[in-house]
Protein backbone atom coordinates (compact mmCIF):
# COMPACT_ATOMS: atom_id res chain seq x y z
CA MET A 1 2.17 -13.84 -20.06
CA ASN A 2 -0.47 -14.75 -18.03
CA LYS A 3 -4.08 -14.19 -20.79
CA ILE A 4 -6.04 -12.33 -18.42
CA GLU A 5 -3.07 -9.97 -18.17
CA GLU A 6 -3.02 -9.69 -21.34
CA LYS A 7 -6.81 -9.37 -21.50
CA GLY A 8 -8.05 -8.71 -18.59
CA LEU A 9 -10.10 -10.05 -16.02
CA TYR A 10 -13.62 -9.54 -17.49
CA ARG A 11 -12.78 -9.88 -20.80
CA TYR A 12 -10.63 -13.26 -20.25
CA LEU A 13 -14.45 -14.69 -18.98
CA LEU A 14 -17.03 -12.68 -21.39
CA GLU A 15 -13.86 -14.65 -24.02
CA ALA A 16 -14.39 -18.15 -21.94
CA ASP A 17 -18.02 -17.44 -21.98
CA THR A 18 -18.54 -18.00 -18.58
CA PRO A 19 -22.03 -19.40 -17.14
CA GLY A 20 -23.46 -16.62 -15.05
CA LEU A 21 -20.94 -13.64 -15.91
CA ARG A 22 -24.15 -11.15 -16.61
CA ASP A 23 -25.94 -11.99 -13.31
CA ASN A 24 -22.31 -11.63 -11.40
CA VAL A 25 -20.16 -8.55 -12.55
CA GLN A 26 -21.96 -5.47 -12.47
CA VAL A 27 -20.82 -1.48 -13.01
CA ILE A 28 -20.98 1.14 -11.66
CA ARG A 29 -19.44 4.71 -12.54
CA PRO A 30 -19.09 6.75 -8.92
CA LYS A 31 -18.21 10.52 -9.39
CA LYS A 32 -15.19 12.52 -7.88
CA GLY A 33 -15.70 12.21 -4.22
CA ALA A 34 -18.10 9.45 -3.76
CA GLN A 35 -17.96 7.30 -0.93
CA VAL A 36 -18.49 3.67 -2.66
CA TYR A 37 -18.59 1.75 1.15
CA ASP A 38 -18.11 3.07 4.55
CA THR A 39 -15.94 1.21 7.13
CA SER A 40 -19.61 -0.47 8.88
CA GLN A 41 -20.22 -2.78 6.00
CA HIS A 42 -18.50 -5.51 5.72
CA PHE A 43 -20.16 -7.13 3.53
CA THR A 44 -18.30 -5.73 -0.15
CA ASP A 45 -18.85 -7.03 -3.34
CA ILE A 46 -15.05 -7.66 -4.55
CA TYR A 47 -13.95 -4.67 -7.28
CA GLU A 48 -12.01 -3.71 -9.57
CA ILE A 49 -11.20 -0.34 -11.20
CA VAL A 50 -11.54 -0.13 -14.66
CA THR A 51 -10.95 3.77 -15.26
CA GLY A 52 -9.80 5.79 -12.27
CA ALA A 53 -8.42 5.19 -8.91
CA VAL A 54 -9.60 4.93 -5.32
CA LYS A 55 -8.24 5.38 -1.45
CA LEU A 56 -9.04 2.64 1.12
CA GLY A 57 -8.76 4.21 4.43
CA ASN A 58 -10.41 3.90 7.98
CA ILE A 59 -10.77 4.96 11.20
CA SER A 60 -8.79 6.75 13.91
CA VAL A 61 -8.99 5.89 17.21
CA LYS A 62 -9.65 9.93 17.63
CA GLY A 63 -12.60 9.65 15.15
CA GLU A 64 -10.02 11.14 12.36
CA ASP A 65 -10.52 9.65 8.50
CA TYR A 66 -7.16 8.42 7.64
CA ILE A 67 -5.94 5.92 4.04
CA TYR A 68 -3.73 4.03 3.99
CA GLU A 69 -3.93 3.03 0.18
CA LEU A 70 -3.99 4.17 -3.03
CA VAL A 71 -5.99 1.88 -5.89
CA THR A 72 -5.59 2.45 -9.97
CA ALA A 73 -6.64 0.78 -12.86
CA GLY A 74 -6.48 -3.19 -13.17
CA GLU A 75 -6.43 -3.52 -9.39
CA PHE A 76 -8.73 -5.11 -6.97
CA PHE A 77 -10.34 -4.64 -4.20
CA GLY A 78 -12.67 -5.31 -1.17
CA ASN A 79 -14.79 -8.62 -0.13
CA LEU A 80 -14.41 -7.90 3.62
CA ALA A 81 -16.12 -10.82 5.22
CA PHE A 82 -13.23 -12.66 4.13
CA LEU A 83 -11.14 -10.42 6.63
CA GLY A 84 -13.29 -10.95 9.24
CA ASP A 85 -15.71 -9.20 11.44
CA THR A 86 -12.46 -6.97 13.23
CA PHE A 87 -11.47 -5.50 10.05
CA SER A 88 -13.15 -2.13 8.34
CA GLU A 89 -12.32 0.13 5.86
CA PHE A 90 -14.02 2.79 3.80
CA CYS A 91 -13.22 3.15 0.00
CA LYS A 92 -13.49 6.91 -1.35
CA THR A 93 -13.11 7.58 -5.53
CA LEU A 94 -10.54 10.17 -5.95
CA CYS A 95 -11.66 10.69 -9.60
CA SER A 96 -14.37 10.16 -11.42
CA SER A 97 -14.39 6.17 -12.54
CA GLU A 98 -14.91 2.78 -13.30
CA LEU A 99 -15.26 0.09 -11.57
CA ARG A 100 -17.27 -3.89 -11.85
CA CYS A 101 -18.59 -5.08 -8.30
CA TYR A 102 -18.26 -8.69 -8.60
CA ASN A 103 -20.30 -10.88 -6.54
CA PRO A 104 -17.57 -12.93 -3.56
CA GLN A 105 -19.02 -16.25 -4.54
CA PHE A 106 -18.93 -16.72 -7.76
CA PHE A 107 -14.80 -14.77 -7.77
CA LYS A 108 -14.70 -17.16 -5.23
CA HIS A 109 -16.35 -20.36 -7.21
CA LEU A 110 -14.11 -18.86 -11.10
CA MET A 111 -11.15 -18.77 -8.44
CA THR A 112 -11.55 -22.56 -7.41
CA HIS A 113 -13.04 -23.43 -10.98
CA ASP A 114 -10.64 -21.67 -13.64
CA PRO A 115 -6.73 -22.35 -12.93
CA ILE A 116 -5.56 -18.76 -14.59
CA VAL A 117 -7.95 -17.55 -12.67
CA ALA A 118 -6.94 -18.62 -9.46
CA GLU A 119 -2.64 -18.05 -11.22
CA TRP A 120 -3.85 -14.51 -12.49
CA CYS A 121 -5.39 -13.45 -8.55
CA TYR A 122 -2.75 -14.84 -6.75
CA SER A 123 0.05 -12.47 -8.91
CA LYS A 124 -2.32 -9.67 -7.62
CA ILE A 125 -2.29 -11.07 -4.21
CA VAL A 126 1.53 -10.88 -4.04
CA PHE A 127 1.26 -7.42 -6.35
CA ARG A 128 -0.65 -5.65 -3.36
CA TRP A 129 1.26 -7.27 -0.66
CA ASN A 130 4.78 -5.70 -2.19
CA LYS A 131 2.83 -2.36 -2.36
CA THR A 132 1.81 -1.89 1.70
CA GLU A 133 4.90 -3.75 2.16
CA THR A 134 7.67 -0.58 0.31
CA LEU A 135 5.34 1.34 1.56
CA LEU A 136 5.84 0.49 4.87
CA ALA A 137 10.40 -0.16 3.67
CA SER A 138 9.64 3.86 2.98
CA ILE A 139 8.48 4.85 5.46
CA ARG A 140 11.54 2.54 7.99
CA SER A 141 14.24 2.98 5.45
CA TYR A 142 14.43 6.88 4.32
CA GLU A 143 13.65 10.48 6.67
CA PRO A 144 10.27 12.14 6.86
CA ARG A 145 10.89 14.60 3.90
CA GLU A 146 12.26 12.51 1.86
CA ARG A 147 9.19 9.62 2.06
CA ILE A 148 7.48 12.99 1.20
CA LEU A 149 9.76 13.48 -2.06
CA LEU A 150 9.76 9.66 -3.25
CA LEU A 151 5.99 9.20 -2.72
CA TYR A 152 5.25 12.58 -4.68
CA GLN A 153 7.36 11.44 -7.45
CA ASN A 154 4.79 8.57 -7.75
CA LEU A 155 2.06 10.16 -7.81
CA GLN A 156 3.34 12.22 -10.96
CA LYS A 157 1.32 9.76 -13.01
CA LEU A 158 -1.16 9.91 -15.24
CA ILE A 159 -4.92 8.38 -14.61
CA SER A 160 -8.12 7.75 -17.15
CA THR A 161 -10.54 9.15 -15.13
CA ALA A 162 -14.33 7.25 -16.34
CA ASP A 163 -15.19 10.64 -17.51
CA GLY A 164 -12.28 10.66 -20.69
CA LYS A 165 -10.02 12.80 -19.40
CA ASP A 166 -6.93 12.63 -18.02
CA ALA A 167 -5.63 13.46 -14.58
CA THR A 168 -1.84 13.25 -12.70
CA LEU A 169 -2.57 11.12 -9.16
CA GLY A 170 -0.79 12.67 -7.33
CA LYS A 171 -2.61 16.44 -8.05
CA LEU A 172 -6.23 13.70 -6.97
CA LEU A 173 -4.70 13.31 -3.25
CA THR A 174 -4.83 16.64 -0.78
CA ASN A 175 -2.27 17.13 1.32
CA LYS A 176 -3.57 14.71 4.54
CA ASP A 177 -3.44 12.33 2.21
CA ILE A 178 -0.05 11.94 1.38
CA ALA A 179 0.55 12.76 5.13
CA ASP A 180 -1.38 10.06 6.10
CA LEU A 181 0.69 8.31 3.55
CA THR A 182 4.06 8.76 4.81
CA ALA A 183 3.80 8.75 7.74
CA THR A 184 4.90 12.32 8.21
CA THR A 185 1.75 15.13 8.96
CA ARG A 186 -0.75 18.46 6.92
CA GLN A 187 2.41 21.09 7.39
CA LEU A 188 5.62 18.62 6.39
CA VAL A 189 4.16 17.35 3.66
CA ALA A 190 2.46 21.55 2.16
CA ASP A 191 6.50 22.31 2.85
CA THR A 192 8.02 20.21 1.35
CA ILE A 193 5.73 20.13 -1.95
CA HIS A 194 6.39 24.57 -1.67
CA ARG A 195 10.30 23.30 -2.49
CA LEU A 196 9.54 21.57 -5.23
């Protein structure tokens, strides 16, 4: 097991006495529903979720918000500049959350100068790809109600919030959020969940 998987990235860097760590990593504690960044921001930090959860999404051609991913403790997101000028997204908290914000240039330096960080980061990237591919495979493989039920079951996990409480991830989402993640409608989500 990678040392970072055991300790977490920040603790690993702290114990390694990494130069510039305290200058390049900040902690923020946004409240529930806070916008961490919006679609107009093309330069963001790299964020690590310590506690809580966020939803990532965009705005449709009709001007409506939609989400395509949930990110929970231990996961990373951000650094949109890496994806080019045509990509944009927003990030909103689902509950009070604690996020570590890494300066992208500092993070890039770590990846190119510390093989342990690089190995760990590649595994995180593959994990996120797999998560997205699994969601897409579910949309392609299951009927709409089955997709909703499968996601709903997976959302029954407890997460810790930044104010020391536990919350069920599924209870933090709206029917529209679930509909976005399952490529269905709010009405079908409401009807399917009501039948449980």
